[in-house]
Structure formats: structure tokens, C-alpha cells
Amino acid sequence: MPAPRTVLVTGAAGGLGTLMRGLLPAYGHQLRLFDAAPIEGAPEAVTAELADTRALRAAVRGSDAILHLAGISAEAPFGEILRSNIEGTHHLYEAARAEGVRRVVLASSNHVIGWTPSPRGEFPLAPGELIPIDTPRRPDTYYGLSKCFAEDLAQLYWDRHGVETVSVRIGACFMEPTSVRMLSVWLSPGDGARLFHAALTAEDIGHTVVYGSSANTRIWWDLTTARAIGYEPRDDSEQYAPGLIAEQGEPDPRNPEHSRLGGPFVTHPPRHRLPPS
């Protein structure tokens, strides 16, 4: 499909949303911003909760595509996850259906398979050792569970209503990795923008699930489906490996935080600190 003229970005005030606000316009996308929190320097942004279906539908109206980043991005009590991530995502898809928007890029998460054992072996892993996209889902938290729901909702809206989605199982998108685990799942902001642009513009995607990380030497999962939609990662976390390993040590396979893909989410999941978008 041609590059969308207008992309609605939900969760635009969050960490990932802030990064993408600075990077995606270079790909020709005009961004429309939506978040529960005001966005400094963006008076045109819509400040509303996903539960405000009237404001949400008005924001969706006239958009060519949606980059859905809103929601709680760490663990929280189930009621909060239900309202923000589950009901909020349903509101988003209903608005897209009602307004005729046919492309959504959904921020899913690696935590949908958080209890999956982390691959072990010498890096780089052989292709057969990488975690495939059809690995059975094993969420590590209510947060991970909400992303399982979001992926299934995306499939339903494709099958029933023709709304296409790329569900991106994001690893960790920060300026640089901050832990040894993150060396395997890091998505650089530049690669994040490249991946989201590919997801916004690829043709005939139906509902496609992809892993979101850079071309890390220590990568755990298979990027085949991401490359199939046109994603070509350029960055690698390996330059940060010596410092992080010297500071934190090598992973201990007896520690569930090291032996499971979800890391600390499987034992002491971090609580969210910001109000949900």
C-alpha cells in the first residue's frame, strides 16, 4: 500500500511514542497524536483516554493508518490492565472499523511468550535455534496476557471486518540496552522506526505477527516475518555487551529471570509508574 498520509499515534506521550514522534516524519508520515497525558509542544494533540470513545473516534476519523502504542506497558492489577489494555484496544479497533481505517500497527510484546525458555548456546544462534513466530504463547504477566488478547482481537478484526494489522512483539526499544538480557531483545529507535514504517506500508499483510528487535548478535528470535514485510534492521547491541557483562555478569541458568525469555517479568514484574494512555 502507498505510504499513509496521516498516521494516528496513540500513546504518543509515552517513551516509545516520543521516540517515534521524532523519527517517523522522515518517512513521509504526517502524525496525529493521541494520549491521556498532554504532549508538550503539541497543542493539536488529542488529550483523552481510550475509554473516551467519542474523542477516540474523532481522532481516528480521516486517518490513513493507526500506530497503537497506548496502554500500560508493565505489570499492574488486572482491573487496570483490563480497562487500559484490553477494553482500550477494543475501543481502538471499533473506532477503526467504524471510520473505515484499514491498517493498524499494534504494539504487542515479547511478554506474550515470556515463560518460554531463553535459547542457550554460542552466539550468534543457528537459525534452527531461534524462537519461531509460531511458538505457543506463554504470557508472564497480566500485561503479557493483554497482548495475547490484542493479537487475537487483531485477527478477529481482519477475518470479520477486513482491518489489517501487523502485531509487533516489541523487545525493548531504548536508546541503548541497559541489561545483559536486553542485548538479545534490543530494538534501537532507528530500527523501531524502520520496522513501524515497513508495517505501515507493506501490502497484503492480513494479520501478520512479527518480532521487533534489531539485528543483534545475541538475538533470540527469528525475524523472518518482519523481513518479509520489508524490515531491514541495521543496528546491533553487541557494542554494549562488554560493559554490561562486566557490570552485571553472565546469565545464571538457575535463575528464572535469566532462563526465561520474559526476564524479571516472570518473578518480580515491574509496576507501571505513569497513568495509562
C-alpha atoms as a PDB file:
ATOM      1  CA  MET A   1       0.000   0.000   0.000  1.00  0.00           C
ATOM      2  CA  PRO A   2       1.208   3.606  -0.510  1.00  0.00           C
ATOM      3  CA  ALA A   3       2.730   5.386   2.469  1.00  0.00           C
ATOM      4  CA  PRO A   4      -0.120   6.664   4.650  1.00  0.00           C
ATOM      5  CA  ARG A   5      -0.609  10.403   4.578  1.00  0.00           C
ATOM      6  CA  THR A   6      -1.851  10.617   8.161  1.00  0.00           C
ATOM      7  CA  VAL A   7      -0.964   8.170  10.924  1.00  0.00           C
ATOM      8  CA  LEU A   8      -2.732   8.351  14.262  1.00  0.00           C
ATOM      9  CA  VAL A   9      -0.264   7.556  17.047  1.00  0.00           C
ATOM     10  CA  THR A  10      -1.925   6.544  20.300  1.00  0.00           C
ATOM     11  CA  GLY A  11       0.218   6.661  23.418  1.00  0.00           C
ATOM     12  CA  ALA A  12       2.174   9.463  21.762  1.00  0.00           C
ATOM     13  CA  ALA A  13       3.356  10.926  25.089  1.00  0.00           C
ATOM     14  CA  GLY A  14       4.979   7.674  26.231  1.00  0.00           C
ATOM     15  CA  GLY A  15       8.597   6.696  25.854  1.00  0.00           C
ATOM     16  CA  LEU A  16       8.183   4.801  22.590  1.00  0.00           C
ATOM     17  CA  GLY A  17       5.656   7.298  21.280  1.00  0.00           C
ATOM     18  CA  THR A  18       8.067  10.162  21.947  1.00  0.00           C
ATOM     19  CA  LEU A  19      10.831   8.387  20.044  1.00  0.00           C
ATOM     20  CA  MET A  20       8.576   7.691  17.073  1.00  0.00           C
ATOM     21  CA  ARG A  21       7.267  11.259  17.010  1.00  0.00           C
ATOM     22  CA  GLY A  22      10.805  12.332  16.250  1.00  0.00           C
ATOM     23  CA  LEU A  23      11.637   9.619  13.718  1.00  0.00           C
ATOM     24  CA  LEU A  24       8.581   8.669  11.654  1.00  0.00           C
ATOM     25  CA  PRO A  25       8.001  12.021   9.903  1.00  0.00           C
ATOM     26  CA  ALA A  26      11.257  11.459   7.986  1.00  0.00           C
ATOM     27  CA  TYR A  27       9.487   8.566   6.230  1.00  0.00           C
ATOM     28  CA  GLY A  28       6.779  10.882   4.938  1.00  0.00           C
ATOM     29  CA  HIS A  29       4.169  10.185   7.602  1.00  0.00           C
ATOM     30  CA  GLN A  30       2.088  13.027   8.994  1.00  0.00           C
ATOM     31  CA  LEU A  31       1.384  12.202  12.607  1.00  0.00           C
ATOM     32  CA  ARG A  32      -1.813  12.828  14.532  1.00  0.00           C
ATOM     33  CA  LEU A  33      -1.188  12.465  18.279  1.00  0.00           C
ATOM     34  CA  PHE A  34      -3.402  10.938  20.973  1.00  0.00           C
ATOM     35  CA  ASP A  35      -2.633  10.320  24.638  1.00  0.00           C
ATOM     36  CA  ALA A  36      -4.212  10.560  28.068  1.00  0.00           C
ATOM     37  CA  ALA A  37      -1.363  12.898  29.056  1.00  0.00           C
ATOM     38  CA  PRO A  38      -0.841  16.304  27.461  1.00  0.00           C
ATOM     39  CA  ILE A  39       2.033  16.433  24.983  1.00  0.00           C
ATOM     40  CA  GLU A  40       4.272  19.432  25.499  1.00  0.00           C
ATOM     41  CA  GLY A  41       4.779  21.425  22.340  1.00  0.00           C
ATOM     42  CA  ALA A  42       1.930  19.715  20.504  1.00  0.00           C
ATOM     43  CA  PRO A  43      -1.201  21.816  21.082  1.00  0.00           C
ATOM     44  CA  GLU A  44      -3.001  19.940  18.308  1.00  0.00           C
ATOM     45  CA  ALA A  45      -2.679  16.604  20.103  1.00  0.00           C
ATOM     46  CA  VAL A  46      -5.844  14.960  21.385  1.00  0.00           C
ATOM     47  CA  THR A  47      -5.714  14.538  25.163  1.00  0.00           C
ATOM     48  CA  ALA A  48      -8.158  11.803  26.103  1.00  0.00           C
ATOM     49  CA  GLU A  49      -8.417   8.271  27.485  1.00  0.00           C
ATOM     50  CA  LEU A  50      -9.081   5.341  25.180  1.00  0.00           C
ATOM     51  CA  ALA A  51     -12.311   4.927  27.153  1.00  0.00           C
ATOM     52  CA  ASP A  52     -13.490   8.268  25.726  1.00  0.00           C
ATOM     53  CA  THR A  53     -14.876   6.624  22.619  1.00  0.00           C
ATOM     54  CA  ARG A  54     -16.210   9.867  21.165  1.00  0.00           C
ATOM     55  CA  ALA A  55     -12.817  11.575  21.310  1.00  0.00           C
ATOM     56  CA  LEU A  56     -11.099   8.430  20.079  1.00  0.00           C
ATOM     57  CA  ARG A  57     -13.395   8.045  17.107  1.00  0.00           C
ATOM     58  CA  ALA A  58     -12.921  11.720  16.190  1.00  0.00           C
ATOM     59  CA  ALA A  59      -9.143  11.211  16.303  1.00  0.00           C
ATOM     60  CA  VAL A  60      -9.365   8.094  14.126  1.00  0.00           C
ATOM     61  CA  ARG A  61     -11.625   9.799  11.600  1.00  0.00           C
ATOM     62  CA  GLY A  62      -9.659  10.768   8.494  1.00  0.00           C
ATOM     63  CA  SER A  63      -6.551   8.808   9.452  1.00  0.00           C
ATOM     64  CA  ASP A  64      -4.969   6.535   6.878  1.00  0.00           C
ATOM     65  CA  ALA A  65      -3.480   4.186   9.471  1.00  0.00           C
ATOM     66  CA  ILE A  66      -3.025   3.808  13.230  1.00  0.00           C
ATOM     67  CA  LEU A  67       0.095   3.100  15.249  1.00  0.00           C
ATOM     68  CA  HIS A  68      -1.359   1.812  18.518  1.00  0.00           C
ATOM     69  CA  LEU A  69       1.153   2.298  21.335  1.00  0.00           C
ATOM     70  CA  ALA A  70      -1.249   3.326  24.095  1.00  0.00           C
ATOM     71  CA  GLY A  71      -1.787   1.362  27.263  1.00  0.00           C
ATOM     72  CA  ILE A  72       0.008   0.214  30.389  1.00  0.00           C
ATOM     73  CA  SER A  73       3.463  -1.012  29.387  1.00  0.00           C
ATOM     74  CA  ALA A  74       4.342  -3.042  32.501  1.00  0.00           C
ATOM     75  CA  GLU A  75       2.520  -5.148  35.061  1.00  0.00           C
ATOM     76  CA  ALA A  76      -0.443  -3.750  37.009  1.00  0.00           C
ATOM     77  CA  PRO A  77      -3.517  -5.104  38.824  1.00  0.00           C
ATOM     78  CA  PHE A  78      -5.799  -6.974  36.466  1.00  0.00           C
ATOM     79  CA  GLY A  79      -8.561  -4.369  36.656  1.00  0.00           C
ATOM     80  CA  GLU A  80      -6.203  -1.658  35.401  1.00  0.00           C
ATOM     81  CA  ILE A  81      -4.871  -3.900  32.634  1.00  0.00           C
ATOM     82  CA  LEU A  82      -8.461  -4.785  31.683  1.00  0.00           C
ATOM     83  CA  ARG A  83      -9.529  -1.157  31.373  1.00  0.00           C
ATOM     84  CA  SER A  84      -6.470   0.177  29.590  1.00  0.00           C
ATOM     85  CA  ASN A  85      -5.007  -2.636  27.501  1.00  0.00           C
ATOM     86  CA  ILE A  86      -7.950  -4.933  26.836  1.00  0.00           C
ATOM     87  CA  GLU A  87     -11.011  -2.684  26.736  1.00  0.00           C
ATOM     88  CA  GLY A  88      -8.923   0.215  25.393  1.00  0.00           C
ATOM     89  CA  THR A  89      -7.627  -1.841  22.479  1.00  0.00           C
ATOM     90  CA  HIS A  90     -11.163  -2.996  21.709  1.00  0.00           C
ATOM     91  CA  HIS A  91     -12.294   0.647  21.640  1.00  0.00           C
ATOM     92  CA  LEU A  92      -9.449   1.399  19.221  1.00  0.00           C
ATOM     93  CA  TYR A  93     -10.417  -1.387  16.813  1.00  0.00           C
ATOM     94  CA  GLU A  94     -14.073  -0.465  16.951  1.00  0.00           C
ATOM     95  CA  ALA A  95     -13.191   3.126  16.057  1.00  0.00           C
ATOM     96  CA  ALA A  96     -11.003   1.910  13.176  1.00  0.00           C
ATOM     97  CA  ARG A  97     -13.802  -0.321  11.877  1.00  0.00           C
ATOM     98  CA  ALA A  98     -16.429   2.384  12.168  1.00  0.00           C
ATOM     99  CA  GLU A  99     -14.278   5.011  10.421  1.00  0.00           C
ATOM    100  CA  GLY A 100     -13.027   2.731   7.665  1.00  0.00           C
ATOM    101  CA  VAL A 101      -9.363   2.693   8.675  1.00  0.00           C
ATOM    102  CA  ARG A 102      -7.892  -0.480   7.218  1.00  0.00           C
ATOM    103  CA  ARG A 103      -4.382  -0.574   8.688  1.00  0.00           C
ATOM    104  CA  VAL A 104      -3.323  -0.854  12.328  1.00  0.00           C
ATOM    105  CA  VAL A 105       0.193  -1.408  13.619  1.00  0.00           C
ATOM    106  CA  LEU A 106      -0.195  -2.893  17.083  1.00  0.00           C
ATOM    107  CA  ALA A 107       2.386  -2.725  19.852  1.00  0.00           C
ATOM    108  CA  SER A 108       2.383  -6.288  21.107  1.00  0.00           C
ATOM    109  CA  SER A 109       5.177  -7.583  23.322  1.00  0.00           C
ATOM    110  CA  ASN A 110       7.744 -10.308  23.805  1.00  0.00           C
ATOM    111  CA  HIS A 111       5.939 -10.961  27.098  1.00  0.00           C
ATOM    112  CA  VAL A 112       3.258 -12.954  25.267  1.00  0.00           C
ATOM    113  CA  ILE A 113       5.875 -15.738  25.303  1.00  0.00           C
ATOM    114  CA  GLY A 114       7.622 -14.635  28.487  1.00  0.00           C
ATOM    115  CA  TRP A 115       7.672 -18.096  30.097  1.00  0.00           C
ATOM    116  CA  THR A 116       9.352 -19.611  27.055  1.00  0.00           C
ATOM    117  CA  PRO A 117      12.879 -20.837  27.896  1.00  0.00           C
ATOM    118  CA  SER A 118      15.591 -18.498  26.669  1.00  0.00           C
ATOM    119  CA  PRO A 119      17.766 -20.063  23.976  1.00  0.00           C
ATOM    120  CA  ARG A 120      21.122 -21.308  25.158  1.00  0.00           C
ATOM    121  CA  GLY A 121      24.245 -21.722  23.075  1.00  0.00           C
ATOM    122  CA  GLU A 122      27.012 -19.797  21.415  1.00  0.00           C
ATOM    123  CA  PHE A 123      26.046 -16.530  19.759  1.00  0.00           C
ATOM    124  CA  PRO A 124      25.035 -15.984  17.081  1.00  0.00           C
ATOM    125  CA  LEU A 125      22.494 -18.775  17.322  1.00  0.00           C
ATOM    126  CA  ALA A 126      21.933 -21.062  14.356  1.00  0.00           C
ATOM    127  CA  PRO A 127      18.646 -20.434  12.508  1.00  0.00           C
ATOM    128  CA  GLY A 128      17.102 -23.593  13.973  1.00  0.00           C
ATOM    129  CA  GLU A 129      17.860 -22.393  17.498  1.00  0.00           C
ATOM    130  CA  LEU A 130      15.969 -19.117  17.137  1.00  0.00           C
ATOM    131  CA  ILE A 131      12.483 -18.775  18.650  1.00  0.00           C
ATOM    132  CA  PRO A 132       9.951 -19.002  15.781  1.00  0.00           C
ATOM    133  CA  ILE A 133       6.956 -16.722  15.490  1.00  0.00           C
ATOM    134  CA  ASP A 134       4.545 -19.640  15.963  1.00  0.00           C
ATOM    135  CA  THR A 135       5.954 -20.523  19.382  1.00  0.00           C
ATOM    136  CA  PRO A 136       2.998 -21.264  21.725  1.00  0.00           C
ATOM    137  CA  ARG A 137       2.105 -18.229  23.765  1.00  0.00           C
ATOM    138  CA  ARG A 138       3.053 -18.358  27.450  1.00  0.00           C
ATOM    139  CA  PRO A 139       2.377 -14.913  28.926  1.00  0.00           C
ATOM    140  CA  ASP A 140       4.366 -13.985  32.006  1.00  0.00           C
ATOM    141  CA  THR A 141       2.019 -11.351  33.462  1.00  0.00           C
ATOM    142  CA  TYR A 142      -1.429  -9.822  33.145  1.00  0.00           C
ATOM    143  CA  TYR A 143       0.359  -7.357  30.866  1.00  0.00           C
ATOM    144  CA  GLY A 144       1.571 -10.208  28.626  1.00  0.00           C
ATOM    145  CA  LEU A 145      -1.905 -11.724  28.725  1.00  0.00           C
ATOM    146  CA  SER A 146      -3.395  -8.454  27.498  1.00  0.00           C
ATOM    147  CA  LYS A 147      -1.100  -8.557  24.489  1.00  0.00           C
ATOM    148  CA  CYS A 148      -2.260 -12.101  23.716  1.00  0.00           C
ATOM    149  CA  PHE A 149      -5.789 -10.704  23.690  1.00  0.00           C
ATOM    150  CA  ALA A 150      -4.732  -7.816  21.456  1.00  0.00           C
ATOM    151  CA  GLU A 151      -3.217 -10.183  18.887  1.00  0.00           C
ATOM    152  CA  ASP A 152      -6.374 -12.307  18.861  1.00  0.00           C
ATOM    153  CA  LEU A 153      -8.521  -9.195  18.562  1.00  0.00           C
ATOM    154  CA  ALA A 154      -6.450  -8.101  15.582  1.00  0.00           C
ATOM    155  CA  GLN A 155      -7.020 -11.492  13.959  1.00  0.00           C
ATOM    156  CA  LEU A 156     -10.784 -11.240  14.566  1.00  0.00           C
ATOM    157  CA  TYR A 157     -10.992  -7.758  13.050  1.00  0.00           C
ATOM    158  CA  TRP A 158      -9.083  -8.933   9.989  1.00  0.00           C
ATOM    159  CA  ASP A 159     -11.252 -12.011   9.491  1.00  0.00           C
ATOM    160  CA  ARG A 160     -14.549 -10.307  10.236  1.00  0.00           C
ATOM    161  CA  HIS A 161     -14.041  -6.691   9.190  1.00  0.00           C
ATOM    162  CA  GLY A 162     -11.016  -6.565   6.866  1.00  0.00           C
ATOM    163  CA  VAL A 163      -8.903  -4.405   9.175  1.00  0.00           C
ATOM    164  CA  GLU A 164      -5.282  -5.349   8.543  1.00  0.00           C
ATOM    165  CA  THR A 165      -2.784  -5.447  11.404  1.00  0.00           C
ATOM    166  CA  VAL A 166       0.895  -6.015  11.943  1.00  0.00           C
ATOM    167  CA  SER A 167       1.307  -7.108  15.562  1.00  0.00           C
ATOM    168  CA  VAL A 168       4.849  -6.207  16.599  1.00  0.00           C
ATOM    169  CA  ARG A 169       6.173  -8.196  19.559  1.00  0.00           C
ATOM    170  CA  ILE A 170       8.486  -5.460  20.746  1.00  0.00           C
ATOM    171  CA  GLY A 171      11.579  -6.432  22.704  1.00  0.00           C
ATOM    172  CA  ALA A 172      12.949  -3.300  24.380  1.00  0.00           C
ATOM    173  CA  CYS A 173      13.119  -0.031  22.455  1.00  0.00           C
ATOM    174  CA  PHE A 174      15.516   2.343  24.185  1.00  0.00           C
ATOM    175  CA  MET A 175      18.434   4.472  23.102  1.00  0.00           C
ATOM    176  CA  GLU A 176      20.740   1.693  24.293  1.00  0.00           C
ATOM    177  CA  PRO A 177      20.348  -1.610  26.171  1.00  0.00           C
ATOM    178  CA  THR A 178      20.558  -1.468  29.957  1.00  0.00           C
ATOM    179  CA  SER A 179      20.896  -5.159  30.863  1.00  0.00           C
ATOM    180  CA  VAL A 180      22.542  -8.332  29.614  1.00  0.00           C
ATOM    181  CA  ARG A 181      19.094  -9.728  28.757  1.00  0.00           C
ATOM    182  CA  MET A 182      18.379  -6.657  26.663  1.00  0.00           C
ATOM    183  CA  LEU A 183      21.364  -7.422  24.444  1.00  0.00           C
ATOM    184  CA  SER A 184      19.166 -10.150  22.916  1.00  0.00           C
ATOM    185  CA  VAL A 185      15.896  -8.223  22.587  1.00  0.00           C
ATOM    186  CA  TRP A 186      17.027  -4.633  21.979  1.00  0.00           C
ATOM    187  CA  LEU A 187      15.235  -2.636  19.287  1.00  0.00           C
ATOM    188  CA  SER A 188      17.116   0.557  18.538  1.00  0.00           C
ATOM    189  CA  PRO A 189      14.911   3.605  17.971  1.00  0.00           C
ATOM    190  CA  GLY A 190      16.163   3.822  14.386  1.00  0.00           C
ATOM    191  CA  ASP A 191      15.267   0.202  13.718  1.00  0.00           C
ATOM    192  CA  GLY A 192      11.960   0.746  15.509  1.00  0.00           C
ATOM    193  CA  ALA A 193      11.082   3.485  13.032  1.00  0.00           C
ATOM    194  CA  ARG A 194      12.191   1.279  10.122  1.00  0.00           C
ATOM    195  CA  LEU A 195      10.029  -1.576  11.384  1.00  0.00           C
ATOM    196  CA  PHE A 196       6.952   0.571  12.001  1.00  0.00           C
ATOM    197  CA  HIS A 197       7.330   2.206   8.585  1.00  0.00           C
ATOM    198  CA  ALA A 198       7.502  -1.216   6.949  1.00  0.00           C
ATOM    199  CA  ALA A 199       4.421  -2.311   8.901  1.00  0.00           C
ATOM    200  CA  LEU A 200       2.523   0.820   7.874  1.00  0.00           C
ATOM    201  CA  THR A 201       3.286   0.433   4.177  1.00  0.00           C
ATOM    202  CA  ALA A 202       3.606  -3.292   3.368  1.00  0.00           C
ATOM    203  CA  GLU A 203       0.968  -4.756   1.071  1.00  0.00           C
ATOM    204  CA  ASP A 204      -1.394  -7.669   1.707  1.00  0.00           C
ATOM    205  CA  ILE A 205      -0.484  -8.288   5.333  1.00  0.00           C
ATOM    206  CA  GLY A 206      -3.840  -9.560   6.643  1.00  0.00           C
ATOM    207  CA  HIS A 207      -2.851 -10.151  10.246  1.00  0.00           C
ATOM    208  CA  THR A 208       0.900 -10.637  10.478  1.00  0.00           C
ATOM    209  CA  VAL A 209       2.811 -11.160  13.728  1.00  0.00           C
ATOM    210  CA  VAL A 210       6.478 -10.142  13.828  1.00  0.00           C
ATOM    211  CA  TYR A 211       9.202  -9.888  16.430  1.00  0.00           C
ATOM    212  CA  GLY A 212      10.597  -6.426  16.970  1.00  0.00           C
ATOM    213  CA  SER A 213      14.310  -6.223  17.582  1.00  0.00           C
ATOM    214  CA  SER A 214      17.477  -5.072  15.917  1.00  0.00           C
ATOM    215  CA  ALA A 215      19.925  -7.387  14.136  1.00  0.00           C
ATOM    216  CA  ASN A 216      21.594  -8.227  17.432  1.00  0.00           C
ATOM    217  CA  THR A 217      24.463 -10.699  17.519  1.00  0.00           C
ATOM    218  CA  ARG A 218      22.751 -12.229  20.589  1.00  0.00           C
ATOM    219  CA  ILE A 219      19.237 -12.229  19.124  1.00  0.00           C
ATOM    220  CA  TRP A 220      16.885 -14.908  20.473  1.00  0.00           C
ATOM    221  CA  TRP A 221      14.094 -14.905  17.919  1.00  0.00           C
ATOM    222  CA  ASP A 222      13.513 -15.315  14.219  1.00  0.00           C
ATOM    223  CA  LEU A 223      12.923 -12.090  12.261  1.00  0.00           C
ATOM    224  CA  THR A 224      11.721 -13.875   9.100  1.00  0.00           C
ATOM    225  CA  THR A 225       8.172 -12.486   9.188  1.00  0.00           C
ATOM    226  CA  ALA A 226       9.474  -8.978   9.931  1.00  0.00           C
ATOM    227  CA  ARG A 227      11.873  -9.133   6.986  1.00  0.00           C
ATOM    228  CA  ALA A 228       9.018 -10.410   4.799  1.00  0.00           C
ATOM    229  CA  ILE A 229       7.160  -7.122   5.221  1.00  0.00           C
ATOM    230  CA  GLY A 230      10.234  -5.134   4.228  1.00  0.00           C
ATOM    231  CA  TYR A 231      12.047  -4.602   7.528  1.00  0.00           C
ATOM    232  CA  GLU A 232      15.827  -4.417   7.259  1.00  0.00           C
ATOM    233  CA  PRO A 233      17.401  -3.832  10.690  1.00  0.00           C
ATOM    234  CA  ARG A 234      20.732  -2.024  10.740  1.00  0.00           C
ATOM    235  CA  ASP A 235      21.775  -1.931  14.381  1.00  0.00           C
ATOM    236  CA  ASP A 236      23.359  -4.428  16.773  1.00  0.00           C
ATOM    237  CA  SER A 237      23.571  -4.327  20.573  1.00  0.00           C
ATOM    238  CA  GLU A 238      26.933  -6.093  20.661  1.00  0.00           C
ATOM    239  CA  GLN A 239      28.892  -2.879  21.141  1.00  0.00           C
ATOM    240  CA  TYR A 240      27.299  -2.613  24.607  1.00  0.00           C
ATOM    241  CA  ALA A 241      27.987  -6.225  25.600  1.00  0.00           C
ATOM    242  CA  PRO A 242      31.454  -5.896  27.203  1.00  0.00           C
ATOM    243  CA  GLY A 243      30.372  -3.123  29.567  1.00  0.00           C
ATOM    244  CA  LEU A 244      27.068  -4.740  30.573  1.00  0.00           C
ATOM    245  CA  ILE A 245      28.612  -8.169  31.156  1.00  0.00           C
ATOM    246  CA  ALA A 246      31.431  -6.657  33.209  1.00  0.00           C
ATOM    247  CA  GLU A 247      28.876  -4.802  35.319  1.00  0.00           C
ATOM    248  CA  GLN A 248      26.157  -7.472  35.656  1.00  0.00           C
ATOM    249  CA  GLY A 249      27.868 -10.783  34.949  1.00  0.00           C
ATOM    250  CA  GLU A 250      26.899 -13.615  32.646  1.00  0.00           C
ATOM    251  CA  PRO A 251      23.337 -15.038  32.897  1.00  0.00           C
ATOM    252  CA  ASP A 252      22.775 -17.741  35.520  1.00  0.00           C
ATOM    253  CA  PRO A 253      20.647 -20.559  34.019  1.00  0.00           C
ATOM    254  CA  ARG A 254      19.406 -21.448  37.523  1.00  0.00           C
ATOM    255  CA  ASN A 255      17.761 -18.023  37.846  1.00  0.00           C
ATOM    256  CA  PRO A 256      14.294 -17.867  36.187  1.00  0.00           C
ATOM    257  CA  GLU A 257      14.943 -14.234  35.334  1.00  0.00           C
ATOM    258  CA  HIS A 258      17.795 -15.450  33.139  1.00  0.00           C
ATOM    259  CA  SER A 259      16.398 -18.775  31.932  1.00  0.00           C
ATOM    260  CA  ARG A 260      13.021 -17.453  30.713  1.00  0.00           C
ATOM    261  CA  LEU A 261      12.531 -15.039  27.868  1.00  0.00           C
ATOM    262  CA  GLY A 262      10.450 -12.612  29.965  1.00  0.00           C
ATOM    263  CA  GLY A 263      13.333 -11.885  32.331  1.00  0.00           C
ATOM    264  CA  PRO A 264      12.288 -10.147  35.563  1.00  0.00           C
ATOM    265  CA  PHE A 265       8.642 -10.202  34.468  1.00  0.00           C
ATOM    266  CA  VAL A 266       8.473 -13.896  35.412  1.00  0.00           C
ATOM    267  CA  THR A 267       9.444 -13.260  39.046  1.00  0.00           C
ATOM    268  CA  HIS A 268       9.182  -9.593  40.053  1.00  0.00           C
ATOM    269  CA  PRO A 269       7.429  -7.787  37.206  1.00  0.00           C
ATOM    270  CA  PRO A 270       7.868  -4.023  37.311  1.00  0.00           C
ATOM    271  CA  ARG A 271       4.784  -1.978  38.063  1.00  0.00           C
ATOM    272  CA  HIS A 272       3.815   0.860  35.775  1.00  0.00           C
ATOM    273  CA  ARG A 273       4.571   4.353  37.027  1.00  0.00           C
ATOM    274  CA  LEU A 274       2.726   6.553  34.568  1.00  0.00           C
ATOM    275  CA  PRO A 275      -1.038   6.901  34.178  1.00  0.00           C
ATOM    276  CA  PRO A 276      -2.286   4.600  31.401  1.00  0.00           C
ATOM    277  CA  SER A 277      -2.744   6.141  27.975  1.00  0.00           C
END
